[in-house]
Amino acid sequence: MKRPFISAFTLMELLVVIAIISMLMAILIPATGKSREAARRAVCMSNIRSIGQALHTYANSNEGLLVPGDGIFSWEVWAKNHKVNLGHLMSKELDVPASDDHVFFCPSMRTPEGGRGYKQFAAWWNTNNYAPITYMYNNALDGFPVSVEDANNCNLAHRDRANFLLGDGSVNFINLRPMVFDTAFGLESIPEVCTRYNVSFPTIMLFNWFQRGQAELSQARDFLNCPQTWAQNNATVNDSNNAKPVLISSVAGKALVADIVGGWGFTNKPG
C-alpha cells in the first residue's frame, strides 16, 4: 500500500522565507514611519496656518493690533489666572482645547512621558499654574523681556526641522540639523546641546533664526557662553508692563508662531 505524498517546506526553504519577510519588514517599516511623520508635519503646518488666520481675525476686531505677548513662557496660554499670549485667541477666534486634536497641539510633539501635551494643559487651565500648548508665540515682538529658561527635557517636534508662521499668513519651515556648538563634543542637535547646558535658546533668538531661514551658530555660542549676560544685553525692555501690542500690518515679514524648539519642565530665571 502506497503512503500518501505530503508536500512540506524543508528547513532551508523556511529559513529563506523568513529571511525574505525580515528584509521586507526592514524596508517597509521605516518607509511607513516616514509617511506617518510627513502626514503629521502637514497637519502641523495646517494648525499653524489656522492660528495665523485667528491672529488676523483678532487684529481686525482690535484696531489692527496683534495679540499681546504678555506671558514670559512663549508656549503658555494661561498664567496667574488669566489668558496670555495665544490664549487671547480662545473663546472668540478659537475654542478652548478639548483634546489633542486642537490646532494648539502639534501631532508630532511629545512630552518626556510620551504624551502629546493636552493632559498638562487640561490640568493647569483655569488654575494658578501656567497652561502650555505645543507652539511658541513670538512674545518678544512687543517688547517682552528676554528670559533664560532651564531646560530639563529638550526636544524638537520634527527631529531636525521646525514649522513657523510669518505675519503675512504664510507657513514655512527651517532645517535645524546638528551643528558643532563646541569642538570638544562634535556635532550635536539642539535638544542635545540644550540638555547638556541645561538651558533653552531664548524666543527672541529662535524667531530671528526662523526669519533668516537658518540657525546662527555664532549667536548660539555667544548665548551658551553666558546665557544671563546675553539675555540682559538683548532684552528690549526691562519691565513687562512696558510691553505694548503692535500693529499686525507692521510684522508681515516677522515670524509669529512656531513649533516649540526646546522642551517641557522649564523653570524661569529672569534675564
C-alpha atoms as a PDB file:
ATOM      1  CA  MET A   1       0.000   0.000   0.000  1.00  0.00           C
ATOM      2  CA  LYS A   2       1.423   3.364  -1.028  1.00  0.00           C
ATOM      3  CA  ARG A   3       1.651   6.118   1.514  1.00  0.00           C
ATOM      4  CA  PRO A   4       0.062   9.489   0.528  1.00  0.00           C
ATOM      5  CA  PHE A   5       2.570  12.085  -0.637  1.00  0.00           C
ATOM      6  CA  ILE A   6       2.812  15.002   1.796  1.00  0.00           C
ATOM      7  CA  SER A   7       4.182  18.268   0.461  1.00  0.00           C
ATOM      8  CA  ALA A   8       6.112  20.319   3.035  1.00  0.00           C
ATOM      9  CA  PHE A   9       8.772  23.009   3.232  1.00  0.00           C
ATOM     10  CA  THR A  10      12.298  21.957   4.007  1.00  0.00           C
ATOM     11  CA  LEU A  11      14.172  23.751   6.797  1.00  0.00           C
ATOM     12  CA  MET A  12      16.230  25.614   4.223  1.00  0.00           C
ATOM     13  CA  GLU A  13      13.107  26.838   2.412  1.00  0.00           C
ATOM     14  CA  LEU A  14      11.582  28.047   5.690  1.00  0.00           C
ATOM     15  CA  LEU A  15      14.756  29.974   6.535  1.00  0.00           C
ATOM     16  CA  VAL A  16      14.736  31.603   3.094  1.00  0.00           C
ATOM     17  CA  VAL A  17      11.081  32.666   3.510  1.00  0.00           C
ATOM     18  CA  ILE A  18      11.776  34.075   6.984  1.00  0.00           C
ATOM     19  CA  ALA A  19      14.786  35.979   5.633  1.00  0.00           C
ATOM     20  CA  ILE A  20      12.727  37.484   2.813  1.00  0.00           C
ATOM     21  CA  ILE A  21       9.953  38.552   5.212  1.00  0.00           C
ATOM     22  CA  SER A  22      12.530  40.131   7.530  1.00  0.00           C
ATOM     23  CA  MET A  23      14.057  42.063   4.631  1.00  0.00           C
ATOM     24  CA  LEU A  24      10.637  43.318   3.520  1.00  0.00           C
ATOM     25  CA  MET A  25       9.804  44.448   7.051  1.00  0.00           C
ATOM     26  CA  ALA A  26      13.143  46.251   7.329  1.00  0.00           C
ATOM     27  CA  ILE A  27      12.333  48.119   4.113  1.00  0.00           C
ATOM     28  CA  LEU A  28       8.646  48.841   4.720  1.00  0.00           C
ATOM     29  CA  ILE A  29       8.579  49.822   8.413  1.00  0.00           C
ATOM     30  CA  PRO A  30      10.917  52.862   8.071  1.00  0.00           C
ATOM     31  CA  ALA A  31       9.030  53.949   4.949  1.00  0.00           C
ATOM     32  CA  THR A  32       5.738  53.724   6.832  1.00  0.00           C
ATOM     33  CA  GLY A  33       7.223  55.739   9.706  1.00  0.00           C
ATOM     34  CA  LYS A  34       8.400  58.444   7.299  1.00  0.00           C
ATOM     35  CA  SER A  35       4.970  58.592   5.672  1.00  0.00           C
ATOM     36  CA  ARG A  36       3.294  58.997   9.043  1.00  0.00           C
ATOM     37  CA  GLU A  37       5.692  61.773  10.053  1.00  0.00           C
ATOM     38  CA  ALA A  38       5.122  63.534   6.711  1.00  0.00           C
ATOM     39  CA  ALA A  39       1.378  63.412   7.400  1.00  0.00           C
ATOM     40  CA  ARG A  40       1.900  64.798  10.922  1.00  0.00           C
ATOM     41  CA  ARG A  41       4.061  67.615   9.542  1.00  0.00           C
ATOM     42  CA  ALA A  42       1.279  68.502   7.110  1.00  0.00           C
ATOM     43  CA  VAL A  43      -1.234  68.633   9.985  1.00  0.00           C
ATOM     44  CA  CYS A  44       1.188  70.755  11.997  1.00  0.00           C
ATOM     45  CA  MET A  45       1.546  73.271   9.168  1.00  0.00           C
ATOM     46  CA  SER A  46      -2.239  73.347   8.799  1.00  0.00           C
ATOM     47  CA  ASN A  47      -2.545  74.035  12.548  1.00  0.00           C
ATOM     48  CA  ILE A  48      -0.110  76.935  12.320  1.00  0.00           C
ATOM     49  CA  ARG A  49      -1.927  78.343   9.300  1.00  0.00           C
ATOM     50  CA  SER A  50      -5.215  78.210  11.262  1.00  0.00           C
ATOM     51  CA  ILE A  51      -3.591  80.034  14.173  1.00  0.00           C
ATOM     52  CA  GLY A  52      -2.422  82.677  11.697  1.00  0.00           C
ATOM     53  CA  GLN A  53      -5.966  83.162  10.415  1.00  0.00           C
ATOM     54  CA  ALA A  54      -7.182  83.518  14.002  1.00  0.00           C
ATOM     55  CA  LEU A  55      -4.487  86.135  14.679  1.00  0.00           C
ATOM     56  CA  HIS A  56      -5.664  88.200  11.721  1.00  0.00           C
ATOM     57  CA  THR A  57      -9.302  87.857  12.792  1.00  0.00           C
ATOM     58  CA  TYR A  58      -8.314  89.025  16.280  1.00  0.00           C
ATOM     59  CA  ALA A  59      -6.449  92.006  14.837  1.00  0.00           C
ATOM     60  CA  ASN A  60      -9.410  93.001  12.649  1.00  0.00           C
ATOM     61  CA  SER A  61     -11.545  93.156  15.780  1.00  0.00           C
ATOM     62  CA  ASN A  62      -8.937  95.059  17.811  1.00  0.00           C
ATOM     63  CA  GLU A  63      -7.938  98.075  15.722  1.00  0.00           C
ATOM     64  CA  GLY A  64      -5.314  96.097  13.825  1.00  0.00           C
ATOM     65  CA  LEU A  65      -3.373  95.164  16.952  1.00  0.00           C
ATOM     66  CA  LEU A  66      -1.616  91.813  17.246  1.00  0.00           C
ATOM     67  CA  VAL A  67      -2.242  89.547  20.229  1.00  0.00           C
ATOM     68  CA  PRO A  68      -0.050  90.817  23.105  1.00  0.00           C
ATOM     69  CA  GLY A  69       2.999  88.812  24.097  1.00  0.00           C
ATOM     70  CA  ASP A  70       2.293  89.037  27.799  1.00  0.00           C
ATOM     71  CA  GLY A  71       3.366  85.601  29.028  1.00  0.00           C
ATOM     72  CA  ILE A  72       7.010  85.017  29.904  1.00  0.00           C
ATOM     73  CA  PHE A  73       6.956  81.466  28.529  1.00  0.00           C
ATOM     74  CA  SER A  74       6.296  81.720  24.799  1.00  0.00           C
ATOM     75  CA  TRP A  75       4.288  78.480  24.737  1.00  0.00           C
ATOM     76  CA  GLU A  76       1.957  79.289  27.639  1.00  0.00           C
ATOM     77  CA  VAL A  77      -1.633  80.412  27.085  1.00  0.00           C
ATOM     78  CA  TRP A  78      -2.660  80.790  30.723  1.00  0.00           C
ATOM     79  CA  ALA A  79      -0.730  82.255  33.653  1.00  0.00           C
ATOM     80  CA  LYS A  80      -1.711  83.666  37.033  1.00  0.00           C
ATOM     81  CA  ASN A  81      -5.427  83.197  36.432  1.00  0.00           C
ATOM     82  CA  HIS A  82      -5.659  84.976  33.082  1.00  0.00           C
ATOM     83  CA  LYS A  83      -5.073  84.315  29.380  1.00  0.00           C
ATOM     84  CA  VAL A  84      -1.677  85.215  27.932  1.00  0.00           C
ATOM     85  CA  ASN A  85      -0.019  85.066  24.509  1.00  0.00           C
ATOM     86  CA  LEU A  86      -2.044  82.917  22.077  1.00  0.00           C
ATOM     87  CA  GLY A  87      -4.530  82.274  24.873  1.00  0.00           C
ATOM     88  CA  HIS A  88      -6.168  85.585  23.916  1.00  0.00           C
ATOM     89  CA  LEU A  89      -7.461  83.848  20.782  1.00  0.00           C
ATOM     90  CA  MET A  90      -9.595  81.447  22.766  1.00  0.00           C
ATOM     91  CA  SER A  91     -13.363  81.940  23.143  1.00  0.00           C
ATOM     92  CA  LYS A  92     -13.866  84.221  20.122  1.00  0.00           C
ATOM     93  CA  GLU A  93     -11.438  83.180  17.390  1.00  0.00           C
ATOM     94  CA  LEU A  94     -10.705  79.635  18.646  1.00  0.00           C
ATOM     95  CA  ASP A  95     -12.387  77.232  21.058  1.00  0.00           C
ATOM     96  CA  VAL A  96     -10.719  76.234  24.307  1.00  0.00           C
ATOM     97  CA  PRO A  97      -8.893  72.954  23.566  1.00  0.00           C
ATOM     98  CA  ALA A  98     -10.885  69.853  24.471  1.00  0.00           C
ATOM     99  CA  SER A  99      -8.427  67.243  23.171  1.00  0.00           C
ATOM    100  CA  ASP A 100      -5.051  66.744  21.487  1.00  0.00           C
ATOM    101  CA  ASP A 101      -6.726  67.313  18.117  1.00  0.00           C
ATOM    102  CA  HIS A 102      -6.950  71.074  18.713  1.00  0.00           C
ATOM    103  CA  VAL A 103      -4.864  73.394  16.498  1.00  0.00           C
ATOM    104  CA  PHE A 104      -2.790  74.327  19.567  1.00  0.00           C
ATOM    105  CA  PHE A 105      -1.186  70.854  19.655  1.00  0.00           C
ATOM    106  CA  CYS A 106       1.326  69.592  17.096  1.00  0.00           C
ATOM    107  CA  PRO A 107       0.670  65.872  16.415  1.00  0.00           C
ATOM    108  CA  SER A 108       4.421  65.147  16.441  1.00  0.00           C
ATOM    109  CA  MET A 109       5.302  66.869  19.720  1.00  0.00           C
ATOM    110  CA  ARG A 110       5.704  64.532  22.681  1.00  0.00           C
ATOM    111  CA  THR A 111       6.206  65.230  26.376  1.00  0.00           C
ATOM    112  CA  PRO A 112       9.001  63.386  28.238  1.00  0.00           C
ATOM    113  CA  GLU A 113       6.368  60.854  29.343  1.00  0.00           C
ATOM    114  CA  GLY A 114       5.358  60.204  25.732  1.00  0.00           C
ATOM    115  CA  GLY A 115       2.073  62.139  25.758  1.00  0.00           C
ATOM    116  CA  ARG A 116       1.032  64.869  23.339  1.00  0.00           C
ATOM    117  CA  GLY A 117       0.578  67.673  25.818  1.00  0.00           C
ATOM    118  CA  TYR A 118      -3.155  68.188  26.211  1.00  0.00           C
ATOM    119  CA  LYS A 119      -3.188  66.396  29.578  1.00  0.00           C
ATOM    120  CA  GLN A 120      -0.882  69.017  31.114  1.00  0.00           C
ATOM    121  CA  PHE A 121      -2.855  71.847  29.536  1.00  0.00           C
ATOM    122  CA  ALA A 122      -6.140  70.464  30.865  1.00  0.00           C
ATOM    123  CA  ALA A 123      -4.709  70.029  34.362  1.00  0.00           C
ATOM    124  CA  TRP A 124      -3.392  73.593  34.564  1.00  0.00           C
ATOM    125  CA  TRP A 125      -6.005  75.574  32.600  1.00  0.00           C
ATOM    126  CA  ASN A 126      -8.006  77.844  34.905  1.00  0.00           C
ATOM    127  CA  THR A 127      -5.585  77.339  37.821  1.00  0.00           C
ATOM    128  CA  ASN A 128      -2.731  79.282  39.407  1.00  0.00           C
ATOM    129  CA  ASN A 129      -0.255  77.423  37.192  1.00  0.00           C
ATOM    130  CA  TYR A 130       0.654  78.234  33.598  1.00  0.00           C
ATOM    131  CA  ALA A 131      -1.038  76.101  30.936  1.00  0.00           C
ATOM    132  CA  PRO A 132       1.172  75.170  27.938  1.00  0.00           C
ATOM    133  CA  ILE A 133       0.477  74.333  24.306  1.00  0.00           C
ATOM    134  CA  THR A 134       2.976  72.878  21.817  1.00  0.00           C
ATOM    135  CA  TYR A 135       3.560  76.040  19.773  1.00  0.00           C
ATOM    136  CA  MET A 136       5.645  79.097  20.634  1.00  0.00           C
ATOM    137  CA  TYR A 137       4.460  82.675  20.191  1.00  0.00           C
ATOM    138  CA  ASN A 138       6.871  85.485  19.367  1.00  0.00           C
ATOM    139  CA  ASN A 139       6.206  87.380  22.590  1.00  0.00           C
ATOM    140  CA  ALA A 140       9.342  89.473  22.023  1.00  0.00           C
ATOM    141  CA  LEU A 141       7.686  91.471  19.217  1.00  0.00           C
ATOM    142  CA  ASP A 142       6.028  93.931  21.568  1.00  0.00           C
ATOM    143  CA  GLY A 143       8.956  94.251  23.921  1.00  0.00           C
ATOM    144  CA  PHE A 144       8.607  91.424  26.427  1.00  0.00           C
ATOM    145  CA  PRO A 145      11.837  90.975  28.418  1.00  0.00           C
ATOM    146  CA  VAL A 146      14.257  88.276  27.291  1.00  0.00           C
ATOM    147  CA  SER A 147      14.319  85.409  29.770  1.00  0.00           C
ATOM    148  CA  VAL A 148      16.509  82.370  30.345  1.00  0.00           C
ATOM    149  CA  GLU A 149      14.739  79.058  30.822  1.00  0.00           C
ATOM    150  CA  ASP A 150      16.275  75.980  32.378  1.00  0.00           C
ATOM    151  CA  ALA A 151      15.797  73.029  30.045  1.00  0.00           C
ATOM    152  CA  ASN A 152      15.018  69.829  31.909  1.00  0.00           C
ATOM    153  CA  ASN A 153      13.762  67.965  28.844  1.00  0.00           C
ATOM    154  CA  CYS A 154      14.516  69.358  25.402  1.00  0.00           C
ATOM    155  CA  ASN A 155      13.174  68.086  22.110  1.00  0.00           C
ATOM    156  CA  LEU A 156      12.069  69.011  18.609  1.00  0.00           C
ATOM    157  CA  ALA A 157       8.657  68.032  17.294  1.00  0.00           C
ATOM    158  CA  HIS A 158      10.026  67.094  13.867  1.00  0.00           C
ATOM    159  CA  ARG A 159      13.558  65.910  14.692  1.00  0.00           C
ATOM    160  CA  ASP A 160      15.617  68.344  12.595  1.00  0.00           C
ATOM    161  CA  ARG A 161      13.150  70.997  11.469  1.00  0.00           C
ATOM    162  CA  ALA A 162      10.581  73.445  12.779  1.00  0.00           C
ATOM    163  CA  ASN A 163       7.477  74.856  11.109  1.00  0.00           C
ATOM    164  CA  PHE A 164       6.693  78.540  11.548  1.00  0.00           C
ATOM    165  CA  LEU A 165       4.194  81.247  10.567  1.00  0.00           C
ATOM    166  CA  LEU A 166       5.015  84.672   9.132  1.00  0.00           C
ATOM    167  CA  GLY A 167       2.910  87.753   9.769  1.00  0.00           C
ATOM    168  CA  ASP A 168       1.624  87.694   6.195  1.00  0.00           C
ATOM    169  CA  GLY A 169      -0.062  84.349   6.922  1.00  0.00           C
ATOM    170  CA  SER A 170       2.382  82.124   5.045  1.00  0.00           C
ATOM    171  CA  VAL A 171       3.802  78.974   6.643  1.00  0.00           C
ATOM    172  CA  ASN A 172       7.350  77.728   6.135  1.00  0.00           C
ATOM    173  CA  PHE A 173       9.939  75.551   7.837  1.00  0.00           C
ATOM    174  CA  ILE A 174      13.573  75.778   8.893  1.00  0.00           C
ATOM    175  CA  ASN A 175      16.118  72.955   8.975  1.00  0.00           C
ATOM    176  CA  LEU A 176      17.754  72.574  12.389  1.00  0.00           C
ATOM    177  CA  ARG A 177      20.311  69.865  11.720  1.00  0.00           C
ATOM    178  CA  PRO A 178      23.115  69.011  14.198  1.00  0.00           C
ATOM    179  CA  MET A 179      25.873  71.630  14.438  1.00  0.00           C
ATOM    180  CA  VAL A 180      29.240  71.946  16.212  1.00  0.00           C
ATOM    181  CA  PHE A 181      28.404  74.134  19.183  1.00  0.00           C
ATOM    182  CA  ASP A 182      31.604  73.003  20.928  1.00  0.00           C
ATOM    183  CA  THR A 183      34.502  71.324  19.100  1.00  0.00           C
ATOM    184  CA  ALA A 184      35.091  69.081  22.112  1.00  0.00           C
ATOM    185  CA  PHE A 185      31.705  67.427  21.551  1.00  0.00           C
ATOM    186  CA  GLY A 186      31.393  67.431  17.737  1.00  0.00           C
ATOM    187  CA  LEU A 187      28.007  67.536  16.025  1.00  0.00           C
ATOM    188  CA  GLU A 188      25.062  67.991  18.398  1.00  0.00           C
ATOM    189  CA  SER A 189      21.362  68.511  17.847  1.00  0.00           C
ATOM    190  CA  ILE A 190      19.616  71.437  19.528  1.00  0.00           C
ATOM    191  CA  PRO A 191      17.958  69.131  22.108  1.00  0.00           C
ATOM    192  CA  GLU A 192      21.345  67.572  22.908  1.00  0.00           C
ATOM    193  CA  VAL A 193      23.171  70.863  23.419  1.00  0.00           C
ATOM    194  CA  CYS A 194      20.284  72.364  25.409  1.00  0.00           C
ATOM    195  CA  THR A 195      20.203  69.340  27.680  1.00  0.00           C
ATOM    196  CA  ARG A 196      23.974  69.439  28.139  1.00  0.00           C
ATOM    197  CA  TYR A 197      23.919  73.125  29.111  1.00  0.00           C
ATOM    198  CA  ASN A 198      20.522  72.768  30.834  1.00  0.00           C
ATOM    199  CA  VAL A 199      19.264  75.896  29.101  1.00  0.00           C
ATOM    200  CA  SER A 200      16.863  76.635  26.242  1.00  0.00           C
ATOM    201  CA  PHE A 201      17.584  79.146  23.497  1.00  0.00           C
ATOM    202  CA  PRO A 202      15.501  82.326  24.042  1.00  0.00           C
ATOM    203  CA  THR A 203      12.399  83.026  21.966  1.00  0.00           C
ATOM    204  CA  ILE A 204      13.882  86.233  20.535  1.00  0.00           C
ATOM    205  CA  MET A 205      16.882  84.287  19.189  1.00  0.00           C
ATOM    206  CA  LEU A 206      14.855  81.385  17.786  1.00  0.00           C
ATOM    207  CA  PHE A 207      12.422  83.606  15.897  1.00  0.00           C
ATOM    208  CA  ASN A 208      15.373  85.513  14.461  1.00  0.00           C
ATOM    209  CA  TRP A 209      16.640  82.176  13.097  1.00  0.00           C
ATOM    210  CA  PHE A 210      13.252  81.427  11.573  1.00  0.00           C
ATOM    211  CA  GLN A 211      13.222  84.751   9.739  1.00  0.00           C
ATOM    212  CA  ARG A 212      16.790  84.249   8.488  1.00  0.00           C
ATOM    213  CA  GLY A 213      15.987  80.707   7.376  1.00  0.00           C
ATOM    214  CA  GLN A 214      18.880  79.171   9.298  1.00  0.00           C
ATOM    215  CA  ALA A 215      20.349  78.864  12.768  1.00  0.00           C
ATOM    216  CA  GLU A 216      23.103  81.360  13.545  1.00  0.00           C
ATOM    217  CA  LEU A 217      25.883  79.338  15.163  1.00  0.00           C
ATOM    218  CA  SER A 218      27.947  82.284  16.405  1.00  0.00           C
ATOM    219  CA  GLN A 219      24.881  83.732  18.141  1.00  0.00           C
ATOM    220  CA  ALA A 220      24.135  80.350  19.724  1.00  0.00           C
ATOM    221  CA  ARG A 221      27.704  80.066  21.009  1.00  0.00           C
ATOM    222  CA  ASP A 222      27.609  83.574  22.489  1.00  0.00           C
ATOM    223  CA  PHE A 223      24.424  82.709  24.340  1.00  0.00           C
ATOM    224  CA  LEU A 224      25.703  79.361  25.632  1.00  0.00           C
ATOM    225  CA  ASN A 225      28.907  81.016  26.837  1.00  0.00           C
ATOM    226  CA  CYS A 226      26.912  83.196  29.262  1.00  0.00           C
ATOM    227  CA  PRO A 227      23.098  82.954  28.959  1.00  0.00           C
ATOM    228  CA  GLN A 228      22.302  85.588  31.587  1.00  0.00           C
ATOM    229  CA  THR A 229      24.617  88.204  30.056  1.00  0.00           C
ATOM    230  CA  TRP A 230      23.268  87.554  26.547  1.00  0.00           C
ATOM    231  CA  ALA A 231      19.701  87.902  27.817  1.00  0.00           C
ATOM    232  CA  GLN A 232      20.422  91.174  29.601  1.00  0.00           C
ATOM    233  CA  ASN A 233      22.147  92.630  26.529  1.00  0.00           C
ATOM    234  CA  ASN A 234      19.329  91.649  24.165  1.00  0.00           C
ATOM    235  CA  ALA A 235      16.252  92.450  26.241  1.00  0.00           C
ATOM    236  CA  THR A 236      14.119  95.115  24.563  1.00  0.00           C
ATOM    237  CA  VAL A 237      12.521  96.284  27.807  1.00  0.00           C
ATOM    238  CA  ASN A 238      13.262  95.737  31.484  1.00  0.00           C
ATOM    239  CA  ASP A 239       9.684  95.632  32.690  1.00  0.00           C
ATOM    240  CA  SER A 240       6.944  93.521  31.129  1.00  0.00           C
ATOM    241  CA  ASN A 241       4.429  96.258  31.991  1.00  0.00           C
ATOM    242  CA  ASN A 242       6.061  98.374  29.270  1.00  0.00           C
ATOM    243  CA  ALA A 243       5.252  95.798  26.587  1.00  0.00           C
ATOM    244  CA  LYS A 244       2.570  97.011  24.178  1.00  0.00           C
ATOM    245  CA  PRO A 245       0.834  95.148  21.322  1.00  0.00           C
ATOM    246  CA  VAL A 246       1.998  96.081  17.830  1.00  0.00           C
ATOM    247  CA  LEU A 247       0.084  96.519  14.583  1.00  0.00           C
ATOM    248  CA  ILE A 248      -0.152  93.254  12.678  1.00  0.00           C
ATOM    249  CA  SER A 249       0.495  95.195   9.467  1.00  0.00           C
ATOM    250  CA  SER A 250       3.968  96.085  10.794  1.00  0.00           C
ATOM    251  CA  VAL A 251       5.091  92.466  11.232  1.00  0.00           C
ATOM    252  CA  ALA A 252       4.239  90.958   7.828  1.00  0.00           C
ATOM    253  CA  GLY A 253       7.798  89.648   7.415  1.00  0.00           C
ATOM    254  CA  LYS A 254       8.250  88.600  11.030  1.00  0.00           C
ATOM    255  CA  ALA A 255       7.845  85.073  12.396  1.00  0.00           C
ATOM    256  CA  LEU A 256       4.887  84.930  14.778  1.00  0.00           C
ATOM    257  CA  VAL A 257       4.242  81.277  15.697  1.00  0.00           C
ATOM    258  CA  ALA A 258       6.403  78.144  15.553  1.00  0.00           C
ATOM    259  CA  ASP A 259       6.899  74.624  16.839  1.00  0.00           C
ATOM    260  CA  ILE A 260       8.456  74.514  20.271  1.00  0.00           C
ATOM    261  CA  VAL A 261      12.240  74.395  19.984  1.00  0.00           C
ATOM    262  CA  GLY A 262      13.090  73.344  23.498  1.00  0.00           C
ATOM    263  CA  GLY A 263      11.090  71.208  25.825  1.00  0.00           C
ATOM    264  CA  TRP A 264       8.917  70.670  28.831  1.00  0.00           C
ATOM    265  CA  GLY A 265       9.642  71.118  32.519  1.00  0.00           C
ATOM    266  CA  PHE A 266      11.167  74.581  32.437  1.00  0.00           C
ATOM    267  CA  THR A 267      11.685  76.889  35.374  1.00  0.00           C
ATOM    268  CA  ASN A 268      12.220  80.559  34.732  1.00  0.00           C
ATOM    269  CA  LYS A 269      15.166  82.713  35.702  1.00  0.00           C
ATOM    270  CA  PRO A 270      14.572  86.387  34.779  1.00  0.00           C
ATOM    271  CA  GLY A 271      17.177  87.667  32.374  1.00  0.00           C
END
